[in-house]
Amino acid sequence: MTVLLDLLNDDPRKREAAAVRHPEKAHRPDTPLARKPEWIRVKAPGSAAWRETGAILRGGGLSTVCQEASCPNIGECWEKKHATFLVMGSVCTRACAFCNVATGLPSALDSTEPERVAEATAKLGLSHVVITSVDRDDLEDGGADHIAQTIRAIRAACSTTTIEVLTPDFLRKEGALEKVVAARPDVFNHNLETVPSLYVTVRPGARYFHSLRLLQRVKELDPAIFTKSGLMVGLGEARNEILQVMDDLRVANVDFLTIGQYLQPTRKHHEVVRFVTPQEFEALSTIAYAKGFSMVSASPLTRSSHHAGADFERLREKRLGASR
């Protein structure tokens, strides 16, 4: 049985909890909660495998973006023992209008976390692992060294596991990107999230062209690393703006593009301007492939790390096929 995932529950207790997680949004006027269409449906979580995944993560004292960002695919992924680790704590120094990760002053870094992530990777039996993080503008290198340490710890514990990182933008953190690239993840992902015209309202702490340059710089430093970026749609962007972002990413030599529907976490977050139909996602995928991306994932429930392992294998096979 499938149910509509209740990310937008208007229970007063949930609204109070949201105010604690997002104090900077507490005094913003409520935005309307759009009713989700029938094509956005997911399995309700609760299987034995789902519970086992949760137990492993809790046992390691680890956070996941699956939980913190209210990902709609948590039931499917955890049932397969797939999880995206959220390192450097669960409190972010940014306050993006779309994100459900808590905002505030983070705690000091935990030096044992890289090893605990590696241990959980082994227990879950992951052949491909995705590591993401909160923004840590409070740190001199934005947490780049901590991410690099996590990559190295996984390599030491799980030598055959491929590693994907979804990093912050390291804005004004000179030398930070180089630390992560030197650890040689298999995939370097940094999401542009939206079109340039919406950055002021949707992603005010970031800069579009800085993020674009970050992705381009990864390829310059190590051409063997696959690069990846993602967009949310339904925030009020125009179709031509999406196509322009595609062109910008191809100029930056990005290999893999993900496009998914934005879902509003609470009434205090940016509203859903519209729900993009599955047919429109298919059309965007066709256009993206025509523009030269090696891999495209575009659907209402597409998220950066959804099916990341299987997509990575296809991406790698394409590269091997092209070199023959």
C-alpha atoms as a PDB file:
ATOM      1  CA  MET A   1       0.000   0.000   0.000  1.00  0.00           C
ATOM      2  CA  THR A   2       1.260   3.470  -0.806  1.00  0.00           C
ATOM      3  CA  VAL A   3       0.413   6.637   1.053  1.00  0.00           C
ATOM      4  CA  LEU A   4       1.056  10.300   0.470  1.00  0.00           C
ATOM      5  CA  LEU A   5       4.084  11.196   2.593  1.00  0.00           C
ATOM      6  CA  ASP A   6       3.038  13.603   5.332  1.00  0.00           C
ATOM      7  CA  LEU A   7       5.817  16.173   5.115  1.00  0.00           C
ATOM      8  CA  LEU A   8       3.355  19.025   5.369  1.00  0.00           C
ATOM      9  CA  ASN A   9       1.443  17.963   8.460  1.00  0.00           C
ATOM     10  CA  ASP A  10      -0.104  21.044  10.058  1.00  0.00           C
ATOM     11  CA  ASP A  11      -0.203  19.593  13.582  1.00  0.00           C
ATOM     12  CA  PRO A  12       0.436  22.486  16.061  1.00  0.00           C
ATOM     13  CA  ARG A  13       3.124  20.422  17.800  1.00  0.00           C
ATOM     14  CA  LYS A  14       4.994  20.066  14.533  1.00  0.00           C
ATOM     15  CA  ARG A  15       4.704  23.795  13.909  1.00  0.00           C
ATOM     16  CA  GLU A  16       6.184  24.465  17.357  1.00  0.00           C
ATOM     17  CA  ALA A  17       9.034  22.033  16.661  1.00  0.00           C
ATOM     18  CA  ALA A  18       9.681  23.750  13.337  1.00  0.00           C
ATOM     19  CA  ALA A  19      10.031  27.110  15.098  1.00  0.00           C
ATOM     20  CA  VAL A  20      12.739  25.619  17.318  1.00  0.00           C
ATOM     21  CA  ARG A  21      14.572  24.145  14.332  1.00  0.00           C
ATOM     22  CA  HIS A  22      14.251  27.332  12.284  1.00  0.00           C
ATOM     23  CA  PRO A  23      14.264  30.329  14.656  1.00  0.00           C
ATOM     24  CA  GLU A  24      15.113  32.672  11.793  1.00  0.00           C
ATOM     25  CA  LYS A  25      11.830  31.706  10.106  1.00  0.00           C
ATOM     26  CA  ALA A  26       9.617  31.890  13.192  1.00  0.00           C
ATOM     27  CA  HIS A  27       8.317  35.405  12.494  1.00  0.00           C
ATOM     28  CA  ARG A  28       7.851  34.979   8.776  1.00  0.00           C
ATOM     29  CA  PRO A  29       4.250  34.954   7.527  1.00  0.00           C
ATOM     30  CA  ASP A  30       2.848  31.518   6.825  1.00  0.00           C
ATOM     31  CA  THR A  31       2.905  30.414   3.213  1.00  0.00           C
ATOM     32  CA  PRO A  32       0.090  28.231   1.857  1.00  0.00           C
ATOM     33  CA  LEU A  33       0.517  24.479   1.789  1.00  0.00           C
ATOM     34  CA  ALA A  34      -0.291  23.218  -1.681  1.00  0.00           C
ATOM     35  CA  ARG A  35      -2.045  19.868  -1.897  1.00  0.00           C
ATOM     36  CA  LYS A  36       0.283  17.338  -3.461  1.00  0.00           C
ATOM     37  CA  PRO A  37      -0.777  15.615  -6.683  1.00  0.00           C
ATOM     38  CA  GLU A  38      -1.376  11.905  -6.971  1.00  0.00           C
ATOM     39  CA  TRP A  39       1.963  11.224  -8.676  1.00  0.00           C
ATOM     40  CA  ILE A  40       3.913  12.128  -5.527  1.00  0.00           C
ATOM     41  CA  ARG A  41       3.355   8.937  -3.564  1.00  0.00           C
ATOM     42  CA  VAL A  42       5.760   6.864  -1.493  1.00  0.00           C
ATOM     43  CA  LYS A  43       5.691   3.797   0.693  1.00  0.00           C
ATOM     44  CA  ALA A  44       5.094   4.396   4.364  1.00  0.00           C
ATOM     45  CA  PRO A  45       8.301   3.450   6.227  1.00  0.00           C
ATOM     46  CA  GLY A  46       8.288   0.768   8.900  1.00  0.00           C
ATOM     47  CA  SER A  47       9.660  -2.526   7.553  1.00  0.00           C
ATOM     48  CA  ALA A  48      12.073  -4.689   9.534  1.00  0.00           C
ATOM     49  CA  ALA A  49      14.958  -3.658   7.253  1.00  0.00           C
ATOM     50  CA  TRP A  50      14.012   0.010   7.726  1.00  0.00           C
ATOM     51  CA  ARG A  51      14.125  -0.396  11.501  1.00  0.00           C
ATOM     52  CA  GLU A  52      17.449  -2.235  11.311  1.00  0.00           C
ATOM     53  CA  THR A  53      18.993   0.589   9.288  1.00  0.00           C
ATOM     54  CA  GLY A  54      17.770   3.094  11.855  1.00  0.00           C
ATOM     55  CA  ALA A  55      19.213   0.996  14.684  1.00  0.00           C
ATOM     56  CA  ILE A  56      22.652   0.878  13.033  1.00  0.00           C
ATOM     57  CA  LEU A  57      22.639   4.647  12.555  1.00  0.00           C
ATOM     58  CA  ARG A  58      21.464   5.341  16.096  1.00  0.00           C
ATOM     59  CA  GLY A  59      24.027   2.890  17.456  1.00  0.00           C
ATOM     60  CA  GLY A  60      26.778   4.853  15.734  1.00  0.00           C
ATOM     61  CA  GLY A  61      25.393   8.183  16.919  1.00  0.00           C
ATOM     62  CA  LEU A  62      25.112   9.333  13.311  1.00  0.00           C
ATOM     63  CA  SER A  63      22.862  11.804  11.513  1.00  0.00           C
ATOM     64  CA  THR A  64      21.425  11.368   8.041  1.00  0.00           C
ATOM     65  CA  VAL A  65      20.097  13.894   5.578  1.00  0.00           C
ATOM     66  CA  CYS A  66      17.265  11.406   5.035  1.00  0.00           C
ATOM     67  CA  GLN A  67      15.866  12.390   8.438  1.00  0.00           C
ATOM     68  CA  GLU A  68      17.086  15.953   8.863  1.00  0.00           C
ATOM     69  CA  ALA A  69      15.875  17.135   5.459  1.00  0.00           C
ATOM     70  CA  SER A  70      12.627  15.103   5.556  1.00  0.00           C
ATOM     71  CA  CYS A  71      13.472  13.177   2.396  1.00  0.00           C
ATOM     72  CA  PRO A  72      10.399  11.535   0.818  1.00  0.00           C
ATOM     73  CA  ASN A  73      12.440   8.480  -0.195  1.00  0.00           C
ATOM     74  CA  ILE A  74      13.531   7.466   3.314  1.00  0.00           C
ATOM     75  CA  GLY A  75      11.260   4.403   3.397  1.00  0.00           C
ATOM     76  CA  GLU A  76      12.531   3.020   0.091  1.00  0.00           C
ATOM     77  CA  CYS A  77      16.192   3.752   0.761  1.00  0.00           C
ATOM     78  CA  TRP A  78      16.386   2.559   4.366  1.00  0.00           C
ATOM     79  CA  GLU A  79      14.557  -0.636   3.425  1.00  0.00           C
ATOM     80  CA  LYS A  80      17.514  -1.328   1.105  1.00  0.00           C
ATOM     81  CA  LYS A  81      19.945  -0.249   3.877  1.00  0.00           C
ATOM     82  CA  HIS A  82      20.919   2.831   1.907  1.00  0.00           C
ATOM     83  CA  ALA A  83      21.447   6.036   3.850  1.00  0.00           C
ATOM     84  CA  THR A  84      23.125   9.374   3.201  1.00  0.00           C
ATOM     85  CA  PHE A  85      25.333  10.355   6.123  1.00  0.00           C
ATOM     86  CA  LEU A  86      25.151  13.953   7.348  1.00  0.00           C
ATOM     87  CA  VAL A  87      28.487  14.820   8.934  1.00  0.00           C
ATOM     88  CA  MET A  88      29.673  17.732  11.096  1.00  0.00           C
ATOM     89  CA  GLY A  89      26.466  17.776  13.119  1.00  0.00           C
ATOM     90  CA  SER A  90      22.826  18.384  12.280  1.00  0.00           C
ATOM     91  CA  VAL A  91      22.789  22.178  12.745  1.00  0.00           C
ATOM     92  CA  CYS A  92      23.563  24.399   9.753  1.00  0.00           C
ATOM     93  CA  THR A  93      24.972  27.933   9.733  1.00  0.00           C
ATOM     94  CA  ARG A  94      22.881  28.833   6.690  1.00  0.00           C
ATOM     95  CA  ALA A  95      19.136  29.467   6.535  1.00  0.00           C
ATOM     96  CA  CYS A  96      18.021  28.491   3.042  1.00  0.00           C
ATOM     97  CA  ALA A  97      14.318  29.036   2.397  1.00  0.00           C
ATOM     98  CA  PHE A  98      13.760  25.482   1.140  1.00  0.00           C
ATOM     99  CA  CYS A  99      15.698  23.385   3.650  1.00  0.00           C
ATOM    100  CA  ASN A 100      14.414  21.563   6.748  1.00  0.00           C
ATOM    101  CA  VAL A 101      17.844  21.068   8.368  1.00  0.00           C
ATOM    102  CA  ALA A 102      18.013  22.972  11.677  1.00  0.00           C
ATOM    103  CA  THR A 103      19.657  26.417  11.687  1.00  0.00           C
ATOM    104  CA  GLY A 104      21.831  27.766  14.490  1.00  0.00           C
ATOM    105  CA  LEU A 105      25.286  27.659  16.041  1.00  0.00           C
ATOM    106  CA  PRO A 106      26.788  24.168  15.508  1.00  0.00           C
ATOM    107  CA  SER A 107      28.775  22.223  18.076  1.00  0.00           C
ATOM    108  CA  ALA A 108      32.485  21.549  17.795  1.00  0.00           C
ATOM    109  CA  LEU A 109      33.521  18.849  15.341  1.00  0.00           C
ATOM    110  CA  ASP A 110      33.657  15.282  16.664  1.00  0.00           C
ATOM    111  CA  SER A 111      37.018  13.773  15.722  1.00  0.00           C
ATOM    112  CA  THR A 112      35.612  10.239  16.062  1.00  0.00           C
ATOM    113  CA  GLU A 113      32.867  10.779  13.476  1.00  0.00           C
ATOM    114  CA  PRO A 114      34.850   9.734  10.359  1.00  0.00           C
ATOM    115  CA  GLU A 115      35.617   6.329  11.887  1.00  0.00           C
ATOM    116  CA  ARG A 116      32.006   5.894  13.041  1.00  0.00           C
ATOM    117  CA  VAL A 117      30.755   6.655   9.536  1.00  0.00           C
ATOM    118  CA  ALA A 118      33.195   4.096   8.132  1.00  0.00           C
ATOM    119  CA  GLU A 119      32.035   1.502  10.669  1.00  0.00           C
ATOM    120  CA  ALA A 120      28.366   2.099   9.782  1.00  0.00           C
ATOM    121  CA  THR A 121      29.220   1.880   6.070  1.00  0.00           C
ATOM    122  CA  ALA A 122      30.675  -1.562   6.704  1.00  0.00           C
ATOM    123  CA  LYS A 123      27.721  -2.713   8.855  1.00  0.00           C
ATOM    124  CA  LEU A 124      25.223  -1.592   6.217  1.00  0.00           C
ATOM    125  CA  GLY A 125      27.248  -3.354   3.535  1.00  0.00           C
ATOM    126  CA  LEU A 126      27.236  -0.311   1.270  1.00  0.00           C
ATOM    127  CA  SER A 127      28.917  -0.709  -2.106  1.00  0.00           C
ATOM    128  CA  HIS A 128      28.399   3.021  -2.716  1.00  0.00           C
ATOM    129  CA  VAL A 129      28.149   5.585   0.062  1.00  0.00           C
ATOM    130  CA  VAL A 130      27.034   9.212  -0.028  1.00  0.00           C
ATOM    131  CA  ILE A 131      28.460  11.697   2.461  1.00  0.00           C
ATOM    132  CA  THR A 132      26.942  15.141   2.827  1.00  0.00           C
ATOM    133  CA  SER A 133      27.186  17.847   5.465  1.00  0.00           C
ATOM    134  CA  VAL A 134      25.669  20.957   6.895  1.00  0.00           C
ATOM    135  CA  ASP A 135      27.254  24.276   5.981  1.00  0.00           C
ATOM    136  CA  ARG A 136      29.931  25.158   8.531  1.00  0.00           C
ATOM    137  CA  ASP A 137      30.707  28.798   7.868  1.00  0.00           C
ATOM    138  CA  ASP A 138      32.071  28.958  11.425  1.00  0.00           C
ATOM    139  CA  LEU A 139      35.077  26.789  10.510  1.00  0.00           C
ATOM    140  CA  GLU A 140      38.201  28.124   8.833  1.00  0.00           C
ATOM    141  CA  ASP A 141      38.031  25.562   6.037  1.00  0.00           C
ATOM    142  CA  GLY A 142      34.250  25.064   6.093  1.00  0.00           C
ATOM    143  CA  GLY A 143      34.792  21.502   7.309  1.00  0.00           C
ATOM    144  CA  ALA A 144      36.715  20.397   4.223  1.00  0.00           C
ATOM    145  CA  ASP A 145      39.365  18.546   6.217  1.00  0.00           C
ATOM    146  CA  HIS A 146      36.677  16.672   8.184  1.00  0.00           C
ATOM    147  CA  ILE A 147      35.051  15.539   4.942  1.00  0.00           C
ATOM    148  CA  ALA A 148      38.446  14.436   3.612  1.00  0.00           C
ATOM    149  CA  GLN A 149      39.100  12.490   6.825  1.00  0.00           C
ATOM    150  CA  THR A 150      35.740  10.751   6.404  1.00  0.00           C
ATOM    151  CA  ILE A 151      36.629   9.732   2.845  1.00  0.00           C
ATOM    152  CA  ARG A 152      39.962   8.311   3.998  1.00  0.00           C
ATOM    153  CA  ALA A 153      38.355   6.434   6.909  1.00  0.00           C
ATOM    154  CA  ILE A 154      35.859   4.758   4.577  1.00  0.00           C
ATOM    155  CA  ARG A 155      38.621   3.841   2.135  1.00  0.00           C
ATOM    156  CA  ALA A 156      40.567   2.196   4.978  1.00  0.00           C
ATOM    157  CA  ALA A 157      37.575   0.246   6.308  1.00  0.00           C
ATOM    158  CA  CYS A 158      35.760  -0.559   3.050  1.00  0.00           C
ATOM    159  CA  SER A 159      38.297  -0.645   0.256  1.00  0.00           C
ATOM    160  CA  THR A 160      35.807  -1.590  -2.489  1.00  0.00           C
ATOM    161  CA  THR A 161      33.125   0.932  -1.548  1.00  0.00           C
ATOM    162  CA  THR A 162      32.823   3.854  -3.946  1.00  0.00           C
ATOM    163  CA  ILE A 163      32.374   7.262  -2.331  1.00  0.00           C
ATOM    164  CA  GLU A 164      30.211  10.205  -3.316  1.00  0.00           C
ATOM    165  CA  VAL A 165      30.374  13.524  -1.496  1.00  0.00           C
ATOM    166  CA  LEU A 166      27.726  16.239  -1.580  1.00  0.00           C
ATOM    167  CA  THR A 167      29.571  19.265  -0.266  1.00  0.00           C
ATOM    168  CA  PRO A 168      28.823  22.816   0.848  1.00  0.00           C
ATOM    169  CA  ASP A 169      30.021  25.643  -1.380  1.00  0.00           C
ATOM    170  CA  PHE A 170      33.052  26.520   0.829  1.00  0.00           C
ATOM    171  CA  LEU A 171      32.299  30.181   0.145  1.00  0.00           C
ATOM    172  CA  ARG A 172      35.277  32.370   1.094  1.00  0.00           C
ATOM    173  CA  LYS A 173      37.225  29.294   2.309  1.00  0.00           C
ATOM    174  CA  GLU A 174      40.417  29.398   0.277  1.00  0.00           C
ATOM    175  CA  GLY A 175      42.035  25.999  -0.233  1.00  0.00           C
ATOM    176  CA  ALA A 176      39.049  24.070   1.151  1.00  0.00           C
ATOM    177  CA  LEU A 177      37.964  22.479  -2.126  1.00  0.00           C
ATOM    178  CA  GLU A 178      41.495  21.248  -2.771  1.00  0.00           C
ATOM    179  CA  LYS A 179      41.447  19.287   0.514  1.00  0.00           C
ATOM    180  CA  VAL A 180      38.350  17.344  -0.513  1.00  0.00           C
ATOM    181  CA  VAL A 181      39.523  16.696  -4.065  1.00  0.00           C
ATOM    182  CA  ALA A 182      42.897  15.459  -2.774  1.00  0.00           C
ATOM    183  CA  ALA A 183      41.047  12.703  -0.857  1.00  0.00           C
ATOM    184  CA  ARG A 184      39.758  11.530  -4.255  1.00  0.00           C
ATOM    185  CA  PRO A 185      36.051  10.800  -3.888  1.00  0.00           C
ATOM    186  CA  ASP A 186      34.608   8.930  -6.850  1.00  0.00           C
ATOM    187  CA  VAL A 187      31.829  11.499  -7.267  1.00  0.00           C
ATOM    188  CA  PHE A 188      31.889  15.162  -6.255  1.00  0.00           C
ATOM    189  CA  ASN A 189      28.399  16.616  -5.981  1.00  0.00           C
ATOM    190  CA  HIS A 190      27.469  20.189  -5.231  1.00  0.00           C
ATOM    191  CA  ASN A 191      23.895  21.271  -5.866  1.00  0.00           C
ATOM    192  CA  LEU A 192      23.072  24.575  -7.537  1.00  0.00           C
ATOM    193  CA  GLU A 193      19.544  23.981  -6.137  1.00  0.00           C
ATOM    194  CA  THR A 194      17.766  26.640  -8.210  1.00  0.00           C
ATOM    195  CA  VAL A 195      18.121  29.179 -11.006  1.00  0.00           C
ATOM    196  CA  PRO A 196      20.169  32.383 -10.510  1.00  0.00           C
ATOM    197  CA  SER A 197      17.164  34.722 -10.310  1.00  0.00           C
ATOM    198  CA  LEU A 198      15.842  32.902  -7.217  1.00  0.00           C
ATOM    199  CA  TYR A 199      19.072  32.819  -5.196  1.00  0.00           C
ATOM    200  CA  VAL A 200      18.198  35.951  -3.200  1.00  0.00           C
ATOM    201  CA  THR A 201      14.992  34.389  -1.875  1.00  0.00           C
ATOM    202  CA  VAL A 202      15.759  30.656  -1.981  1.00  0.00           C
ATOM    203  CA  ARG A 203      19.506  30.372  -1.284  1.00  0.00           C
ATOM    204  CA  PRO A 204      20.536  33.799   0.055  1.00  0.00           C
ATOM    205  CA  GLY A 205      23.771  32.698   1.701  1.00  0.00           C
ATOM    206  CA  ALA A 206      25.173  31.267  -1.544  1.00  0.00           C
ATOM    207  CA  ARG A 207      26.373  32.686  -4.857  1.00  0.00           C
ATOM    208  CA  TYR A 208      25.361  31.019  -8.128  1.00  0.00           C
ATOM    209  CA  PHE A 209      28.561  31.632 -10.067  1.00  0.00           C
ATOM    210  CA  HIS A 210      30.738  30.623  -7.126  1.00  0.00           C
ATOM    211  CA  SER A 211      28.935  27.263  -6.956  1.00  0.00           C
ATOM    212  CA  LEU A 212      29.277  26.843 -10.707  1.00  0.00           C
ATOM    213  CA  ARG A 213      32.992  27.633 -10.557  1.00  0.00           C
ATOM    214  CA  LEU A 214      33.427  25.158  -7.687  1.00  0.00           C
ATOM    215  CA  LEU A 215      32.187  22.336  -9.901  1.00  0.00           C
ATOM    216  CA  GLN A 216      34.358  23.441 -12.806  1.00  0.00           C
ATOM    217  CA  ARG A 217      37.412  23.608 -10.539  1.00  0.00           C
ATOM    218  CA  VAL A 218      36.953  19.980  -9.418  1.00  0.00           C
ATOM    219  CA  LYS A 219      37.429  18.819 -13.004  1.00  0.00           C
ATOM    220  CA  GLU A 220      40.478  21.038 -13.412  1.00  0.00           C
ATOM    221  CA  LEU A 221      42.054  19.552 -10.283  1.00  0.00           C
ATOM    222  CA  ASP A 222      41.196  15.919 -11.051  1.00  0.00           C
ATOM    223  CA  PRO A 223      39.482  15.050 -14.371  1.00  0.00           C
ATOM    224  CA  ALA A 224      38.911  11.458 -13.181  1.00  0.00           C
ATOM    225  CA  ILE A 225      36.366  12.520 -10.555  1.00  0.00           C
ATOM    226  CA  PHE A 226      32.771  12.486 -11.754  1.00  0.00           C
ATOM    227  CA  THR A 227      30.965  15.751 -11.041  1.00  0.00           C
ATOM    228  CA  LYS A 228      27.291  16.077 -10.272  1.00  0.00           C
ATOM    229  CA  SER A 229      24.774  18.807  -9.483  1.00  0.00           C
ATOM    230  CA  GLY A 230      21.072  19.074  -8.799  1.00  0.00           C
ATOM    231  CA  LEU A 231      18.115  21.399  -9.212  1.00  0.00           C
ATOM    232  CA  MET A 232      14.754  21.669  -7.507  1.00  0.00           C
ATOM    233  CA  VAL A 233      11.822  22.799  -9.621  1.00  0.00           C
ATOM    234  CA  GLY A 234       8.474  24.252  -8.644  1.00  0.00           C
ATOM    235  CA  LEU A 235       9.952  27.273  -6.842  1.00  0.00           C
ATOM    236  CA  GLY A 236       8.830  29.770  -9.468  1.00  0.00           C
ATOM    237  CA  GLU A 237      11.585  29.349 -12.045  1.00  0.00           C
ATOM    238  CA  ALA A 238      10.915  29.714 -15.779  1.00  0.00           C
ATOM    239  CA  ARG A 239      11.588  26.833 -18.156  1.00  0.00           C
ATOM    240  CA  ASN A 240      14.173  28.816 -20.107  1.00  0.00           C
ATOM    241  CA  GLU A 241      16.033  29.484 -16.853  1.00  0.00           C
ATOM    242  CA  ILE A 242      16.331  25.732 -16.240  1.00  0.00           C
ATOM    243  CA  LEU A 243      17.718  25.248 -19.738  1.00  0.00           C
ATOM    244  CA  GLN A 244      20.263  28.019 -19.154  1.00  0.00           C
ATOM    245  CA  VAL A 245      21.445  26.317 -15.953  1.00  0.00           C
ATOM    246  CA  MET A 246      21.900  23.115 -17.956  1.00  0.00           C
ATOM    247  CA  ASP A 247      24.096  25.000 -20.416  1.00  0.00           C
ATOM    248  CA  ASP A 248      26.109  26.555 -17.578  1.00  0.00           C
ATOM    249  CA  LEU A 249      26.707  23.142 -16.019  1.00  0.00           C
ATOM    250  CA  ARG A 250      27.856  21.674 -19.306  1.00  0.00           C
ATOM    251  CA  VAL A 251      30.329  24.532 -19.758  1.00  0.00           C
ATOM    252  CA  ALA A 252      31.623  23.551 -16.302  1.00  0.00           C
ATOM    253  CA  ASN A 253      31.969  19.966 -17.630  1.00  0.00           C
ATOM    254  CA  VAL A 254      29.515  18.477 -15.106  1.00  0.00           C
ATOM    255  CA  ASP A 255      28.728  14.827 -15.833  1.00  0.00           C
ATOM    256  CA  PHE A 256      25.513  14.153 -13.928  1.00  0.00           C
ATOM    257  CA  LEU A 257      22.380  16.260 -13.437  1.00  0.00           C
ATOM    258  CA  THR A 258      19.497  15.557 -11.045  1.00  0.00           C
ATOM    259  CA  ILE A 259      16.173  17.400 -11.165  1.00  0.00           C
ATOM    260  CA  GLY A 260      13.427  16.898  -8.585  1.00  0.00           C
ATOM    261  CA  GLN A 261      10.244  18.511  -7.310  1.00  0.00           C
ATOM    262  CA  TYR A 262      10.577  20.924  -4.398  1.00  0.00           C
ATOM    263  CA  LEU A 263       8.389  19.913  -1.446  1.00  0.00           C
ATOM    264  CA  GLN A 264       7.642  22.470   1.244  1.00  0.00           C
ATOM    265  CA  PRO A 265       8.684  21.256   4.740  1.00  0.00           C
ATOM    266  CA  THR A 266       6.601  23.736   6.803  1.00  0.00           C
ATOM    267  CA  ARG A 267       4.404  26.823   6.390  1.00  0.00           C
ATOM    268  CA  LYS A 268       7.454  28.963   7.203  1.00  0.00           C
ATOM    269  CA  HIS A 269       9.419  27.686   4.217  1.00  0.00           C
ATOM    270  CA  HIS A 270       9.249  28.825   0.604  1.00  0.00           C
ATOM    271  CA  GLU A 271       5.934  27.882  -0.934  1.00  0.00           C
ATOM    272  CA  VAL A 272       5.534  25.395  -3.773  1.00  0.00           C
ATOM    273  CA  VAL A 273       4.639  27.626  -6.711  1.00  0.00           C
ATOM    274  CA  ARG A 274       3.624  24.662  -8.828  1.00  0.00           C
ATOM    275  CA  PHE A 275       3.953  20.908  -9.151  1.00  0.00           C
ATOM    276  CA  VAL A 276       5.826  19.865 -12.273  1.00  0.00           C
ATOM    277  CA  THR A 277       4.237  16.930 -14.073  1.00  0.00           C
ATOM    278  CA  PRO A 278       6.060  13.637 -14.765  1.00  0.00           C
ATOM    279  CA  GLN A 279       5.787  14.411 -18.482  1.00  0.00           C
ATOM    280  CA  GLU A 280       7.623  17.693 -17.991  1.00  0.00           C
ATOM    281  CA  PHE A 281      10.365  15.897 -16.090  1.00  0.00           C
ATOM    282  CA  GLU A 282      10.728  13.441 -18.960  1.00  0.00           C
ATOM    283  CA  ALA A 283      11.061  16.320 -21.397  1.00  0.00           C
ATOM    284  CA  LEU A 284      13.726  17.981 -19.233  1.00  0.00           C
ATOM    285  CA  SER A 285      15.626  14.698 -19.087  1.00  0.00           C
ATOM    286  CA  THR A 286      15.573  14.375 -22.885  1.00  0.00           C
ATOM    287  CA  ILE A 287      16.841  17.934 -23.287  1.00  0.00           C
ATOM    288  CA  ALA A 288      19.594  17.429 -20.692  1.00  0.00           C
ATOM    289  CA  TYR A 289      20.880  14.322 -22.476  1.00  0.00           C
ATOM    290  CA  ALA A 290      20.810  16.225 -25.765  1.00  0.00           C
ATOM    291  CA  LYS A 291      22.950  18.926 -24.161  1.00  0.00           C
ATOM    292  CA  GLY A 292      25.616  16.351 -23.370  1.00  0.00           C
ATOM    293  CA  PHE A 293      25.171  15.141 -19.778  1.00  0.00           C
ATOM    294  CA  SER A 294      26.400  11.582 -19.320  1.00  0.00           C
ATOM    295  CA  MET A 295      23.726  10.829 -16.725  1.00  0.00           C
ATOM    296  CA  VAL A 296      20.403  12.493 -15.915  1.00  0.00           C
ATOM    297  CA  SER A 297      17.870  11.679 -13.223  1.00  0.00           C
ATOM    298  CA  ALA A 298      14.710  13.776 -13.471  1.00  0.00           C
ATOM    299  CA  SER A 299      11.428  12.907 -11.775  1.00  0.00           C
ATOM    300  CA  PRO A 300       9.146  14.318  -9.082  1.00  0.00           C
ATOM    301  CA  LEU A 301      10.851  12.282  -6.342  1.00  0.00           C
ATOM    302  CA  THR A 302      14.416  12.522  -7.631  1.00  0.00           C
ATOM    303  CA  ARG A 303      16.870  13.586  -4.929  1.00  0.00           C
ATOM    304  CA  SER A 304      20.666  13.934  -5.085  1.00  0.00           C
ATOM    305  CA  SER A 305      21.425  10.599  -3.448  1.00  0.00           C
ATOM    306  CA  HIS A 306      18.364   8.627  -4.583  1.00  0.00           C
ATOM    307  CA  HIS A 307      19.596   5.515  -6.445  1.00  0.00           C
ATOM    308  CA  ALA A 308      23.082   7.036  -6.307  1.00  0.00           C
ATOM    309  CA  GLY A 309      24.871   3.683  -6.354  1.00  0.00           C
ATOM    310  CA  ALA A 310      23.056   2.318  -9.396  1.00  0.00           C
ATOM    311  CA  ASP A 311      23.424   5.641 -11.206  1.00  0.00           C
ATOM    312  CA  PHE A 312      27.154   5.693 -10.446  1.00  0.00           C
ATOM    313  CA  GLU A 313      27.593   2.230 -11.961  1.00  0.00           C
ATOM    314  CA  ARG A 314      25.861   3.345 -15.158  1.00  0.00           C
ATOM    315  CA  LEU A 315      27.968   6.482 -15.236  1.00  0.00           C
ATOM    316  CA  ARG A 316      31.155   4.469 -14.837  1.00  0.00           C
ATOM    317  CA  GLU A 317      30.097   1.989 -17.527  1.00  0.00           C
ATOM    318  CA  LYS A 318      29.472   4.864 -19.956  1.00  0.00           C
ATOM    319  CA  ARG A 319      32.949   6.205 -19.348  1.00  0.00           C
ATOM    320  CA  LEU A 320      34.512   2.780 -19.822  1.00  0.00           C
ATOM    321  CA  GLY A 321      32.507   2.236 -23.001  1.00  0.00           C
ATOM    322  CA  ALA A 322      33.586   5.570 -24.403  1.00  0.00           C
ATOM    323  CA  SER A 323      37.264   4.794 -23.763  1.00  0.00           C
ATOM    324  CA  ARG A 324      37.215   1.515 -25.648  1.00  0.00           C
END
